[in-house]
Amino acid sequence: MDKKTLALIQGDPAGIGPELLVKLLVDPAIREAANLIVVGDPRILARGEQQVGLDIPNLRQIDAEDPLKITEGEVLHLNIAIDGMADAPMNAASAAGGAASIKGLKKALELSRDGNIDGIVFMPFNKESMHLGGNNFSDELGYASDFFKLTTRASEFNVANGMWNGRVTSHVAMKDVPSLLTTDRIEQSIKLTDHTLKMAGYKRPRIVVAAYNPHAGDGGLMGDEEDRVIRPAVLRAKAQQIAVEGPLPADTLWLKMRDGVYDAAVTMYHDQGQIAIKLLAFDKGVSVLAGLPIPITTPAHGTAFDIAGQNKANVVPSANAVRMCLNMASHKNATDGIL
């Protein structure tokens, strides 16, 4: 089977992304697994090499519009100059750092649109920096969804130790969550979860849907969202032959996830799943941007400004993100058209 080609985006230069990227690019197993194209300002990669104390072997710099011809054993660096990068601070949000993330993501998405790559892995972005740098969306998923002009559901998933977490709502204020919990939206989230896990190689994913209220509402004593909007969505998904159960109380649900009873949990809001999955396996986690035309993954942690530049960052989640992206790229054709 031909090697897949991945675009690697450097991430916010003020965080741990540059050092993580260098650690990936000196790993023979990562280099052997895929053709690699690094996208971004070369000064960011140089910053990472200095932080780690290593030089990346067989790295070839090319201009953004040059032909993408990769020779076995080399890594391409697609150069994108970022205004203000020379003065971009360490350990702090900045417009230059945000511009680096946005422009890197945009170029990688263009490579995908033009059929040049099979997947994208990005080192951690900082949402404040991206806002300062001109991002008009709440996160990178919103940016990518707008780039592809999506009319179907897209969402972020977190994965660790075989546990997947999809969300009905994500980067929104808690006060807005109740109005966003509709039967249609929950059904779409269940279907996207089924599709995404099949793209990762699961033949028949086992999905569980979280309740919204404590104790799943206790028969309506603590809220009626379970009976009014969540259970009808589960029944609709069951009618489409999806292996799904729920709603179950969110606290005990995660014990069943840990024990392997289910493959994926669909939670109603961000922290309902994030707290559990990061507590169970923070040092291995991967985030997946699902519902897009191409697999996009990233380590499930942030920019970690507090330790950036100290060569302390754990590369395992980033390596897992590469492996996840390759796995999803290899199964992509089998799932095209399911949604």
C-alpha atoms as a PDB file:
ATOM      1  CA  MET A   1       0.000   0.000   0.000  1.00  0.00           C
ATOM      2  CA  ASP A   2       1.318   3.464  -0.884  1.00  0.00           C
ATOM      3  CA  LYS A   3       2.408   5.689   1.952  1.00  0.00           C
ATOM      4  CA  LYS A   4      -0.073   8.307   3.038  1.00  0.00           C
ATOM      5  CA  THR A   5       0.999  11.937   3.030  1.00  0.00           C
ATOM      6  CA  LEU A   6       0.356  14.090   6.094  1.00  0.00           C
ATOM      7  CA  ALA A   7       0.608  17.836   6.582  1.00  0.00           C
ATOM      8  CA  LEU A   8       2.005  18.790   9.998  1.00  0.00           C
ATOM      9  CA  ILE A   9       1.154  22.291  11.261  1.00  0.00           C
ATOM     10  CA  GLN A  10       3.609  23.760  13.741  1.00  0.00           C
ATOM     11  CA  GLY A  11       1.137  25.137  16.277  1.00  0.00           C
ATOM     12  CA  ASP A  12       1.443  28.283  18.369  1.00  0.00           C
ATOM     13  CA  PRO A  13       5.142  29.268  18.506  1.00  0.00           C
ATOM     14  CA  ALA A  14       4.802  30.468  22.105  1.00  0.00           C
ATOM     15  CA  GLY A  15       3.796  27.017  23.330  1.00  0.00           C
ATOM     16  CA  ILE A  16       5.147  23.479  23.308  1.00  0.00           C
ATOM     17  CA  GLY A  17       4.215  22.819  19.672  1.00  0.00           C
ATOM     18  CA  PRO A  18       7.643  23.574  18.135  1.00  0.00           C
ATOM     19  CA  GLU A  19       9.506  21.236  20.484  1.00  0.00           C
ATOM     20  CA  LEU A  20       6.899  18.491  20.038  1.00  0.00           C
ATOM     21  CA  LEU A  21       7.172  18.782  16.279  1.00  0.00           C
ATOM     22  CA  VAL A  22      10.946  18.371  16.374  1.00  0.00           C
ATOM     23  CA  LYS A  23      10.606  15.307  18.608  1.00  0.00           C
ATOM     24  CA  LEU A  24       8.211  13.807  16.064  1.00  0.00           C
ATOM     25  CA  LEU A  25      10.424  14.579  13.097  1.00  0.00           C
ATOM     26  CA  VAL A  26      13.520  12.937  14.572  1.00  0.00           C
ATOM     27  CA  ASP A  27      11.579   9.734  15.345  1.00  0.00           C
ATOM     28  CA  PRO A  28      12.429   7.091  12.690  1.00  0.00           C
ATOM     29  CA  ALA A  29       9.088   5.303  13.220  1.00  0.00           C
ATOM     30  CA  ILE A  30       7.093   8.473  12.484  1.00  0.00           C
ATOM     31  CA  ARG A  31       9.198   9.276   9.422  1.00  0.00           C
ATOM     32  CA  GLU A  32       8.806   5.732   8.109  1.00  0.00           C
ATOM     33  CA  ALA A  33       5.036   5.688   8.638  1.00  0.00           C
ATOM     34  CA  ALA A  34       4.135   8.537   6.255  1.00  0.00           C
ATOM     35  CA  ASN A  35       5.335  11.190   3.843  1.00  0.00           C
ATOM     36  CA  LEU A  36       5.560  14.354   5.937  1.00  0.00           C
ATOM     37  CA  ILE A  37       5.041  17.978   4.897  1.00  0.00           C
ATOM     38  CA  VAL A  38       5.605  20.584   7.603  1.00  0.00           C
ATOM     39  CA  VAL A  39       3.597  23.769   7.020  1.00  0.00           C
ATOM     40  CA  GLY A  40       4.609  27.085   8.560  1.00  0.00           C
ATOM     41  CA  ASP A  41       7.265  29.705   9.153  1.00  0.00           C
ATOM     42  CA  PRO A  42      10.777  28.150   9.233  1.00  0.00           C
ATOM     43  CA  ARG A  43      11.661  30.340  12.226  1.00  0.00           C
ATOM     44  CA  ILE A  44       9.141  28.366  14.309  1.00  0.00           C
ATOM     45  CA  LEU A  45      10.810  25.060  13.502  1.00  0.00           C
ATOM     46  CA  ALA A  46      14.217  26.578  14.209  1.00  0.00           C
ATOM     47  CA  ARG A  47      12.872  27.647  17.608  1.00  0.00           C
ATOM     48  CA  GLY A  48      11.859  24.056  18.295  1.00  0.00           C
ATOM     49  CA  GLU A  49      15.243  22.671  17.248  1.00  0.00           C
ATOM     50  CA  GLN A  50      16.957  25.083  19.612  1.00  0.00           C
ATOM     51  CA  GLN A  51      14.630  24.151  22.465  1.00  0.00           C
ATOM     52  CA  VAL A  52      15.182  20.416  22.010  1.00  0.00           C
ATOM     53  CA  GLY A  53      18.853  20.635  21.020  1.00  0.00           C
ATOM     54  CA  LEU A  54      18.391  18.527  17.880  1.00  0.00           C
ATOM     55  CA  ASP A  55      18.541  19.125  14.153  1.00  0.00           C
ATOM     56  CA  ILE A  56      15.959  17.465  11.913  1.00  0.00           C
ATOM     57  CA  PRO A  57      17.719  15.204   9.377  1.00  0.00           C
ATOM     58  CA  ASN A  58      16.952  15.389   5.642  1.00  0.00           C
ATOM     59  CA  LEU A  59      14.735  18.452   5.930  1.00  0.00           C
ATOM     60  CA  ARG A  60      14.183  20.282   2.640  1.00  0.00           C
ATOM     61  CA  GLN A  61      12.789  23.795   2.571  1.00  0.00           C
ATOM     62  CA  ILE A  62      10.490  24.760  -0.308  1.00  0.00           C
ATOM     63  CA  ASP A  63       8.388  27.800  -1.113  1.00  0.00           C
ATOM     64  CA  ALA A  64       4.629  27.612  -0.629  1.00  0.00           C
ATOM     65  CA  GLU A  65       3.935  27.375  -4.367  1.00  0.00           C
ATOM     66  CA  ASP A  66       6.691  24.894  -5.271  1.00  0.00           C
ATOM     67  CA  PRO A  67       5.775  21.372  -6.493  1.00  0.00           C
ATOM     68  CA  LEU A  68       5.253  18.877  -3.679  1.00  0.00           C
ATOM     69  CA  LYS A  69       7.700  16.125  -4.634  1.00  0.00           C
ATOM     70  CA  ILE A  70       8.860  14.084  -1.670  1.00  0.00           C
ATOM     71  CA  THR A  71      11.921  11.854  -1.875  1.00  0.00           C
ATOM     72  CA  GLU A  72      11.993   8.783   0.362  1.00  0.00           C
ATOM     73  CA  GLY A  73      13.548   9.605   3.721  1.00  0.00           C
ATOM     74  CA  GLU A  74      13.148  13.371   3.573  1.00  0.00           C
ATOM     75  CA  VAL A  75      10.747  15.800   5.216  1.00  0.00           C
ATOM     76  CA  LEU A  76       9.446  18.776   3.253  1.00  0.00           C
ATOM     77  CA  HIS A  77       9.032  22.150   4.934  1.00  0.00           C
ATOM     78  CA  LEU A  78       6.509  24.337   3.126  1.00  0.00           C
ATOM     79  CA  ASN A  79       7.576  27.852   4.038  1.00  0.00           C
ATOM     80  CA  ILE A  80       4.992  30.466   5.009  1.00  0.00           C
ATOM     81  CA  ALA A  81       6.370  33.771   6.264  1.00  0.00           C
ATOM     82  CA  ILE A  82       4.465  35.292   9.203  1.00  0.00           C
ATOM     83  CA  ASP A  83       4.637  39.022   9.896  1.00  0.00           C
ATOM     84  CA  GLY A  84       6.011  39.750  13.355  1.00  0.00           C
ATOM     85  CA  MET A  85       7.343  36.226  13.908  1.00  0.00           C
ATOM     86  CA  ALA A  86      10.802  37.494  14.789  1.00  0.00           C
ATOM     87  CA  ASP A  87       9.287  39.305  17.782  1.00  0.00           C
ATOM     88  CA  ALA A  88       6.695  36.667  18.730  1.00  0.00           C
ATOM     89  CA  PRO A  89       6.913  36.109  22.490  1.00  0.00           C
ATOM     90  CA  MET A  90       7.368  32.844  24.337  1.00  0.00           C
ATOM     91  CA  ASN A  91       4.812  31.658  26.892  1.00  0.00           C
ATOM     92  CA  ALA A  92       2.130  34.200  25.944  1.00  0.00           C
ATOM     93  CA  ALA A  93      -0.673  34.709  23.454  1.00  0.00           C
ATOM     94  CA  SER A  94       0.104  36.986  20.510  1.00  0.00           C
ATOM     95  CA  ALA A  95      -1.293  38.061  17.158  1.00  0.00           C
ATOM     96  CA  ALA A  96       1.795  36.682  15.393  1.00  0.00           C
ATOM     97  CA  GLY A  97       1.335  33.302  17.082  1.00  0.00           C
ATOM     98  CA  GLY A  98      -2.314  33.242  16.091  1.00  0.00           C
ATOM     99  CA  ALA A  99      -1.512  34.228  12.513  1.00  0.00           C
ATOM    100  CA  ALA A 100       1.003  31.371  12.337  1.00  0.00           C
ATOM    101  CA  SER A 101      -1.699  28.899  13.373  1.00  0.00           C
ATOM    102  CA  ILE A 102      -4.350  30.303  11.041  1.00  0.00           C
ATOM    103  CA  LYS A 103      -2.116  30.566   7.984  1.00  0.00           C
ATOM    104  CA  GLY A 104      -0.688  27.106   8.588  1.00  0.00           C
ATOM    105  CA  LEU A 105      -4.167  25.628   8.911  1.00  0.00           C
ATOM    106  CA  LYS A 106      -5.400  27.452   5.808  1.00  0.00           C
ATOM    107  CA  LYS A 107      -2.495  26.181   3.701  1.00  0.00           C
ATOM    108  CA  ALA A 108      -2.972  22.612   4.947  1.00  0.00           C
ATOM    109  CA  LEU A 109      -6.681  22.762   4.118  1.00  0.00           C
ATOM    110  CA  GLU A 110      -5.794  24.023   0.642  1.00  0.00           C
ATOM    111  CA  LEU A 111      -3.426  21.075   0.202  1.00  0.00           C
ATOM    112  CA  SER A 112      -6.300  18.794   1.163  1.00  0.00           C
ATOM    113  CA  ARG A 113      -8.741  20.488  -1.199  1.00  0.00           C
ATOM    114  CA  ASP A 114      -6.247  20.106  -4.049  1.00  0.00           C
ATOM    115  CA  GLY A 115      -5.736  16.393  -3.358  1.00  0.00           C
ATOM    116  CA  ASN A 116      -2.095  16.670  -2.229  1.00  0.00           C
ATOM    117  CA  ILE A 117      -2.402  15.153   1.254  1.00  0.00           C
ATOM    118  CA  ASP A 118      -4.342  12.426   3.052  1.00  0.00           C
ATOM    119  CA  GLY A 119      -4.543  13.941   6.536  1.00  0.00           C
ATOM    120  CA  ILE A 120      -3.582  16.848   8.778  1.00  0.00           C
ATOM    121  CA  VAL A 121      -1.982  16.818  12.241  1.00  0.00           C
ATOM    122  CA  PHE A 122      -1.537  20.103  14.061  1.00  0.00           C
ATOM    123  CA  MET A 123       0.489  20.900  17.137  1.00  0.00           C
ATOM    124  CA  PRO A 124      -1.484  22.765  19.827  1.00  0.00           C
ATOM    125  CA  PHE A 125      -3.142  26.037  18.845  1.00  0.00           C
ATOM    126  CA  ASN A 126      -4.058  28.762  21.327  1.00  0.00           C
ATOM    127  CA  LYS A 127      -7.574  30.127  20.827  1.00  0.00           C
ATOM    128  CA  GLU A 128      -6.754  33.536  22.297  1.00  0.00           C
ATOM    129  CA  SER A 129      -3.799  33.884  19.936  1.00  0.00           C
ATOM    130  CA  MET A 130      -5.939  32.803  16.998  1.00  0.00           C
ATOM    131  CA  HIS A 131      -8.512  35.450  17.890  1.00  0.00           C
ATOM    132  CA  LEU A 132      -5.784  38.092  18.095  1.00  0.00           C
ATOM    133  CA  GLY A 133      -4.446  36.841  14.766  1.00  0.00           C
ATOM    134  CA  GLY A 134      -7.780  37.261  12.982  1.00  0.00           C
ATOM    135  CA  ASN A 135      -9.759  34.045  13.458  1.00  0.00           C
ATOM    136  CA  ASN A 136     -13.478  34.906  13.387  1.00  0.00           C
ATOM    137  CA  PHE A 137     -14.572  31.511  14.704  1.00  0.00           C
ATOM    138  CA  SER A 138     -14.581  30.074  18.216  1.00  0.00           C
ATOM    139  CA  ASP A 139     -12.066  27.381  17.298  1.00  0.00           C
ATOM    140  CA  GLU A 140     -10.195  25.652  14.494  1.00  0.00           C
ATOM    141  CA  LEU A 141     -13.147  23.363  13.764  1.00  0.00           C
ATOM    142  CA  GLY A 142     -15.310  26.363  12.929  1.00  0.00           C
ATOM    143  CA  TYR A 143     -12.578  27.675  10.645  1.00  0.00           C
ATOM    144  CA  ALA A 144     -12.225  24.327   8.833  1.00  0.00           C
ATOM    145  CA  SER A 145     -15.995  23.872   8.533  1.00  0.00           C
ATOM    146  CA  ASP A 146     -16.294  27.290   6.928  1.00  0.00           C
ATOM    147  CA  PHE A 147     -13.362  26.581   4.590  1.00  0.00           C
ATOM    148  CA  PHE A 148     -15.110  23.471   3.257  1.00  0.00           C
ATOM    149  CA  LYS A 149     -18.557  25.174   3.282  1.00  0.00           C
ATOM    150  CA  LEU A 150     -20.009  22.269   5.250  1.00  0.00           C
ATOM    151  CA  THR A 151     -23.765  21.871   5.593  1.00  0.00           C
ATOM    152  CA  THR A 152     -23.472  18.663   7.650  1.00  0.00           C
ATOM    153  CA  ARG A 153     -22.476  18.162  11.275  1.00  0.00           C
ATOM    154  CA  ALA A 154     -18.843  18.464  12.362  1.00  0.00           C
ATOM    155  CA  SER A 155     -17.572  18.062  15.905  1.00  0.00           C
ATOM    156  CA  GLU A 156     -14.458  17.470  17.979  1.00  0.00           C
ATOM    157  CA  PHE A 157     -13.835  14.051  19.515  1.00  0.00           C
ATOM    158  CA  ASN A 158     -11.344  13.126  22.198  1.00  0.00           C
ATOM    159  CA  VAL A 159      -9.757   9.689  22.230  1.00  0.00           C
ATOM    160  CA  ALA A 160      -7.598   7.978  24.845  1.00  0.00           C
ATOM    161  CA  ASN A 161      -6.981   4.339  25.778  1.00  0.00           C
ATOM    162  CA  GLY A 162      -9.622   3.222  23.268  1.00  0.00           C
ATOM    163  CA  MET A 163     -12.283   5.542  24.753  1.00  0.00           C
ATOM    164  CA  TRP A 164     -13.940   8.018  22.381  1.00  0.00           C
ATOM    165  CA  ASN A 165     -15.913  11.078  23.456  1.00  0.00           C
ATOM    166  CA  GLY A 166     -18.142  13.009  21.076  1.00  0.00           C
ATOM    167  CA  ARG A 167     -20.102  16.103  22.102  1.00  0.00           C
ATOM    168  CA  VAL A 168     -23.463  17.541  21.208  1.00  0.00           C
ATOM    169  CA  THR A 169     -22.208  21.015  22.191  1.00  0.00           C
ATOM    170  CA  SER A 170     -18.588  22.009  22.623  1.00  0.00           C
ATOM    171  CA  HIS A 171     -16.991  25.462  22.763  1.00  0.00           C
ATOM    172  CA  VAL A 172     -20.068  27.382  23.863  1.00  0.00           C
ATOM    173  CA  ALA A 173     -21.057  29.109  27.104  1.00  0.00           C
ATOM    174  CA  MET A 174     -22.867  26.867  29.573  1.00  0.00           C
ATOM    175  CA  LYS A 175     -25.839  29.251  29.592  1.00  0.00           C
ATOM    176  CA  ASP A 176     -26.369  28.450  25.899  1.00  0.00           C
ATOM    177  CA  VAL A 177     -26.276  24.665  26.212  1.00  0.00           C
ATOM    178  CA  PRO A 178     -29.975  24.009  27.071  1.00  0.00           C
ATOM    179  CA  SER A 179     -31.247  25.784  23.964  1.00  0.00           C
ATOM    180  CA  LEU A 180     -28.830  23.811  21.771  1.00  0.00           C
ATOM    181  CA  LEU A 181     -29.957  20.396  23.002  1.00  0.00           C
ATOM    182  CA  THR A 182     -32.474  19.358  20.356  1.00  0.00           C
ATOM    183  CA  THR A 183     -33.449  15.885  19.246  1.00  0.00           C
ATOM    184  CA  ASP A 184     -32.154  16.558  15.741  1.00  0.00           C
ATOM    185  CA  ARG A 185     -28.786  17.790  16.985  1.00  0.00           C
ATOM    186  CA  ILE A 186     -28.358  14.835  19.347  1.00  0.00           C
ATOM    187  CA  GLU A 187     -29.304  12.382  16.593  1.00  0.00           C
ATOM    188  CA  GLN A 188     -26.769  14.001  14.262  1.00  0.00           C
ATOM    189  CA  SER A 189     -24.100  13.668  16.962  1.00  0.00           C
ATOM    190  CA  ILE A 190     -24.850   9.963  17.392  1.00  0.00           C
ATOM    191  CA  LYS A 191     -24.670   9.398  13.635  1.00  0.00           C
ATOM    192  CA  LEU A 192     -21.412  11.338  13.388  1.00  0.00           C
ATOM    193  CA  THR A 193     -19.968   9.238  16.226  1.00  0.00           C
ATOM    194  CA  ASP A 194     -20.913   6.026  14.427  1.00  0.00           C
ATOM    195  CA  HIS A 195     -19.412   7.315  11.164  1.00  0.00           C
ATOM    196  CA  THR A 196     -16.211   8.567  12.786  1.00  0.00           C
ATOM    197  CA  LEU A 197     -15.470   5.330  14.626  1.00  0.00           C
ATOM    198  CA  LYS A 198     -16.097   3.345  11.450  1.00  0.00           C
ATOM    199  CA  MET A 199     -13.564   5.642   9.780  1.00  0.00           C
ATOM    200  CA  ALA A 200     -11.152   4.586  12.527  1.00  0.00           C
ATOM    201  CA  GLY A 201     -11.722   0.901  11.779  1.00  0.00           C
ATOM    202  CA  TYR A 202     -14.570  -0.078  14.138  1.00  0.00           C
ATOM    203  CA  LYS A 203     -17.016  -2.329  12.292  1.00  0.00           C
ATOM    204  CA  ARG A 204     -19.969  -1.705  14.626  1.00  0.00           C
ATOM    205  CA  PRO A 205     -19.162   0.913  17.274  1.00  0.00           C
ATOM    206  CA  ARG A 206     -20.856   0.561  20.652  1.00  0.00           C
ATOM    207  CA  ILE A 207     -22.150   4.005  21.611  1.00  0.00           C
ATOM    208  CA  VAL A 208     -23.625   5.281  24.855  1.00  0.00           C
ATOM    209  CA  VAL A 209     -25.396   8.637  25.221  1.00  0.00           C
ATOM    210  CA  ALA A 210     -25.064  10.656  28.407  1.00  0.00           C
ATOM    211  CA  ALA A 211     -27.964  12.186  30.246  1.00  0.00           C
ATOM    212  CA  TYR A 212     -27.965  15.933  30.790  1.00  0.00           C
ATOM    213  CA  ASN A 213     -29.297  16.129  34.353  1.00  0.00           C
ATOM    214  CA  PRO A 214     -28.058  14.461  37.567  1.00  0.00           C
ATOM    215  CA  HIS A 215     -29.270  10.868  37.855  1.00  0.00           C
ATOM    216  CA  ALA A 216     -30.680  11.156  34.311  1.00  0.00           C
ATOM    217  CA  GLY A 217     -33.363  13.456  35.687  1.00  0.00           C
ATOM    218  CA  ASP A 218     -34.776  10.961  38.209  1.00  0.00           C
ATOM    219  CA  GLY A 219     -38.012  10.585  36.275  1.00  0.00           C
ATOM    220  CA  GLY A 220     -38.378  14.314  35.709  1.00  0.00           C
ATOM    221  CA  LEU A 221     -37.668  15.415  39.274  1.00  0.00           C
ATOM    222  CA  MET A 222     -34.422  17.111  38.144  1.00  0.00           C
ATOM    223  CA  GLY A 223     -35.181  18.073  34.569  1.00  0.00           C
ATOM    224  CA  ASP A 224     -36.981  16.597  31.580  1.00  0.00           C
ATOM    225  CA  GLU A 225     -34.358  16.794  28.800  1.00  0.00           C
ATOM    226  CA  GLU A 226     -33.830  13.044  28.961  1.00  0.00           C
ATOM    227  CA  ASP A 227     -37.437  12.202  28.080  1.00  0.00           C
ATOM    228  CA  ARG A 228     -38.092  15.258  25.940  1.00  0.00           C
ATOM    229  CA  VAL A 229     -35.068  15.415  23.616  1.00  0.00           C
ATOM    230  CA  ILE A 230     -32.363  12.819  24.368  1.00  0.00           C
ATOM    231  CA  ARG A 231     -34.261   9.502  24.406  1.00  0.00           C
ATOM    232  CA  PRO A 232     -36.145  10.267  21.165  1.00  0.00           C
ATOM    233  CA  ALA A 233     -32.774  10.874  19.457  1.00  0.00           C
ATOM    234  CA  VAL A 234     -31.456   7.539  20.729  1.00  0.00           C
ATOM    235  CA  LEU A 235     -34.542   5.736  19.436  1.00  0.00           C
ATOM    236  CA  ARG A 236     -34.170   7.379  16.020  1.00  0.00           C
ATOM    237  CA  ALA A 237     -30.548   6.243  15.831  1.00  0.00           C
ATOM    238  CA  LYS A 238     -31.484   2.701  16.886  1.00  0.00           C
ATOM    239  CA  ALA A 239     -34.004   2.623  14.051  1.00  0.00           C
ATOM    240  CA  GLN A 240     -31.062   3.276  11.689  1.00  0.00           C
ATOM    241  CA  GLN A 241     -29.281   0.153  12.997  1.00  0.00           C
ATOM    242  CA  ILE A 242     -26.766   2.079  15.095  1.00  0.00           C
ATOM    243  CA  ALA A 243     -25.615   0.256  18.252  1.00  0.00           C
ATOM    244  CA  VAL A 244     -26.507   2.937  20.780  1.00  0.00           C
ATOM    245  CA  GLU A 245     -27.893   3.015  24.335  1.00  0.00           C
ATOM    246  CA  GLY A 246     -28.921   5.755  26.725  1.00  0.00           C
ATOM    247  CA  PRO A 247     -29.402   8.200  28.182  1.00  0.00           C
ATOM    248  CA  LEU A 248     -27.326   7.033  31.147  1.00  0.00           C
ATOM    249  CA  PRO A 249     -26.143   9.176  34.087  1.00  0.00           C
ATOM    250  CA  ALA A 250     -22.868  10.781  33.037  1.00  0.00           C
ATOM    251  CA  ASP A 251     -20.958   9.899  36.213  1.00  0.00           C
ATOM    252  CA  THR A 252     -21.467   6.112  36.123  1.00  0.00           C
ATOM    253  CA  LEU A 253     -21.350   6.035  32.322  1.00  0.00           C
ATOM    254  CA  TRP A 254     -17.617   6.702  32.422  1.00  0.00           C
ATOM    255  CA  LEU A 255     -17.002   3.673  34.624  1.00  0.00           C
ATOM    256  CA  LYS A 256     -18.533   1.552  31.867  1.00  0.00           C
ATOM    257  CA  MET A 257     -16.389   3.335  29.288  1.00  0.00           C
ATOM    258  CA  ARG A 258     -13.261   2.657  31.335  1.00  0.00           C
ATOM    259  CA  ASP A 259     -14.187  -1.013  31.609  1.00  0.00           C
ATOM    260  CA  GLY A 260     -14.680  -1.390  27.841  1.00  0.00           C
ATOM    261  CA  VAL A 261     -18.458  -1.865  27.794  1.00  0.00           C
ATOM    262  CA  TYR A 262     -18.771   0.907  25.175  1.00  0.00           C
ATOM    263  CA  ASP A 263     -16.428   2.339  22.557  1.00  0.00           C
ATOM    264  CA  ALA A 264     -17.762   5.897  22.527  1.00  0.00           C
ATOM    265  CA  ALA A 265     -19.753   8.251  24.713  1.00  0.00           C
ATOM    266  CA  VAL A 266     -21.834  11.104  23.315  1.00  0.00           C
ATOM    267  CA  THR A 267     -21.957  13.807  25.964  1.00  0.00           C
ATOM    268  CA  MET A 268     -24.176  16.878  26.057  1.00  0.00           C
ATOM    269  CA  TYR A 269     -21.500  19.490  26.740  1.00  0.00           C
ATOM    270  CA  HIS A 270     -17.731  19.964  26.779  1.00  0.00           C
ATOM    271  CA  ASP A 271     -16.675  19.238  30.363  1.00  0.00           C
ATOM    272  CA  GLN A 272     -19.143  16.382  30.826  1.00  0.00           C
ATOM    273  CA  GLY A 273     -16.755  14.207  28.852  1.00  0.00           C
ATOM    274  CA  GLN A 274     -13.489  16.121  28.881  1.00  0.00           C
ATOM    275  CA  ILE A 275     -12.959  15.959  32.629  1.00  0.00           C
ATOM    276  CA  ALA A 276     -13.457  12.206  32.699  1.00  0.00           C
ATOM    277  CA  ILE A 277     -11.374  11.264  29.675  1.00  0.00           C
ATOM    278  CA  LYS A 278      -8.494  13.562  30.595  1.00  0.00           C
ATOM    279  CA  LEU A 279      -8.466  12.235  34.147  1.00  0.00           C
ATOM    280  CA  LEU A 280      -8.381   8.663  32.858  1.00  0.00           C
ATOM    281  CA  ALA A 281      -5.708   9.148  30.181  1.00  0.00           C
ATOM    282  CA  PHE A 282      -4.501  12.734  29.804  1.00  0.00           C
ATOM    283  CA  ASP A 283      -0.957  11.704  28.886  1.00  0.00           C
ATOM    284  CA  LYS A 284      -2.079   9.760  25.802  1.00  0.00           C
ATOM    285  CA  GLY A 285      -5.079  11.654  24.452  1.00  0.00           C
ATOM    286  CA  VAL A 286      -5.823  12.718  20.882  1.00  0.00           C
ATOM    287  CA  SER A 287      -8.429  15.159  19.580  1.00  0.00           C
ATOM    288  CA  VAL A 288     -10.112  14.381  16.251  1.00  0.00           C
ATOM    289  CA  LEU A 289     -11.898  17.000  14.153  1.00  0.00           C
ATOM    290  CA  ALA A 290     -14.668  14.810  12.761  1.00  0.00           C
ATOM    291  CA  GLY A 291     -17.155  15.345   9.954  1.00  0.00           C
ATOM    292  CA  LEU A 292     -14.654  17.049   7.637  1.00  0.00           C
ATOM    293  CA  PRO A 293     -13.614  15.744   4.195  1.00  0.00           C
ATOM    294  CA  ILE A 294     -10.150  14.828   5.546  1.00  0.00           C
ATOM    295  CA  PRO A 295      -8.917  13.364   8.858  1.00  0.00           C
ATOM    296  CA  ILE A 296      -7.564  16.088  11.158  1.00  0.00           C
ATOM    297  CA  THR A 297      -6.035  15.235  14.535  1.00  0.00           C
ATOM    298  CA  THR A 298      -4.057  16.954  17.285  1.00  0.00           C
ATOM    299  CA  PRO A 299      -2.763  16.066  20.751  1.00  0.00           C
ATOM    300  CA  ALA A 300      -5.572  16.541  23.268  1.00  0.00           C
ATOM    301  CA  HIS A 301      -3.629  18.961  25.458  1.00  0.00           C
ATOM    302  CA  GLY A 302      -3.089  22.676  24.999  1.00  0.00           C
ATOM    303  CA  THR A 303      -0.133  24.949  24.364  1.00  0.00           C
ATOM    304  CA  ALA A 304       1.163  24.610  27.952  1.00  0.00           C
ATOM    305  CA  PHE A 305       2.716  28.072  28.098  1.00  0.00           C
ATOM    306  CA  ASP A 306       3.932  27.324  31.624  1.00  0.00           C
ATOM    307  CA  ILE A 307       6.473  24.699  30.443  1.00  0.00           C
ATOM    308  CA  ALA A 308       7.047  25.849  26.852  1.00  0.00           C
ATOM    309  CA  GLY A 309      10.672  26.074  25.770  1.00  0.00           C
ATOM    310  CA  GLN A 310      11.917  23.822  28.582  1.00  0.00           C
ATOM    311  CA  ASN A 311      12.022  20.558  26.599  1.00  0.00           C
ATOM    312  CA  LYS A 312       9.627  18.958  29.088  1.00  0.00           C
ATOM    313  CA  ALA A 313       6.648  18.314  26.786  1.00  0.00           C
ATOM    314  CA  ASN A 314       5.449  14.711  26.462  1.00  0.00           C
ATOM    315  CA  VAL A 315       5.465  13.705  22.783  1.00  0.00           C
ATOM    316  CA  VAL A 316       3.249  10.601  23.227  1.00  0.00           C
ATOM    317  CA  PRO A 317      -0.091  12.363  22.498  1.00  0.00           C
ATOM    318  CA  SER A 318       1.403  13.966  19.372  1.00  0.00           C
ATOM    319  CA  ALA A 319       2.732  10.610  18.132  1.00  0.00           C
ATOM    320  CA  ASN A 320      -0.686   9.087  18.851  1.00  0.00           C
ATOM    321  CA  ALA A 321      -2.278  11.898  16.824  1.00  0.00           C
ATOM    322  CA  VAL A 322      -0.107  10.975  13.838  1.00  0.00           C
ATOM    323  CA  ARG A 323      -1.027   7.306  14.162  1.00  0.00           C
ATOM    324  CA  MET A 324      -4.721   8.102  14.524  1.00  0.00           C
ATOM    325  CA  CYS A 325      -4.664  10.335  11.461  1.00  0.00           C
ATOM    326  CA  LEU A 326      -2.972   7.632   9.387  1.00  0.00           C
ATOM    327  CA  ASN A 327      -5.427   5.010  10.605  1.00  0.00           C
ATOM    328  CA  MET A 328      -8.419   7.179   9.688  1.00  0.00           C
ATOM    329  CA  ALA A 329      -6.921   8.065   6.307  1.00  0.00           C
ATOM    330  CA  SER A 330      -6.510   4.377   5.513  1.00  0.00           C
ATOM    331  CA  HIS A 331     -10.202   3.674   6.276  1.00  0.00           C
ATOM    332  CA  LYS A 332     -11.612   6.825   4.719  1.00  0.00           C
ATOM    333  CA  ASN A 333     -12.712   5.377   1.368  1.00  0.00           C
ATOM    334  CA  ALA A 334     -14.729   2.664   3.101  1.00  0.00           C
ATOM    335  CA  THR A 335     -16.829   5.268   4.914  1.00  0.00           C
ATOM    336  CA  ASP A 336     -17.323   7.859   2.167  1.00  0.00           C
ATOM    337  CA  GLY A 337     -21.001   8.545   1.635  1.00  0.00           C
ATOM    338  CA  ILE A 338     -22.230   7.073   4.920  1.00  0.00           C
ATOM    339  CA  LEU A 339     -23.421  10.416   6.306  1.00  0.00           C
END
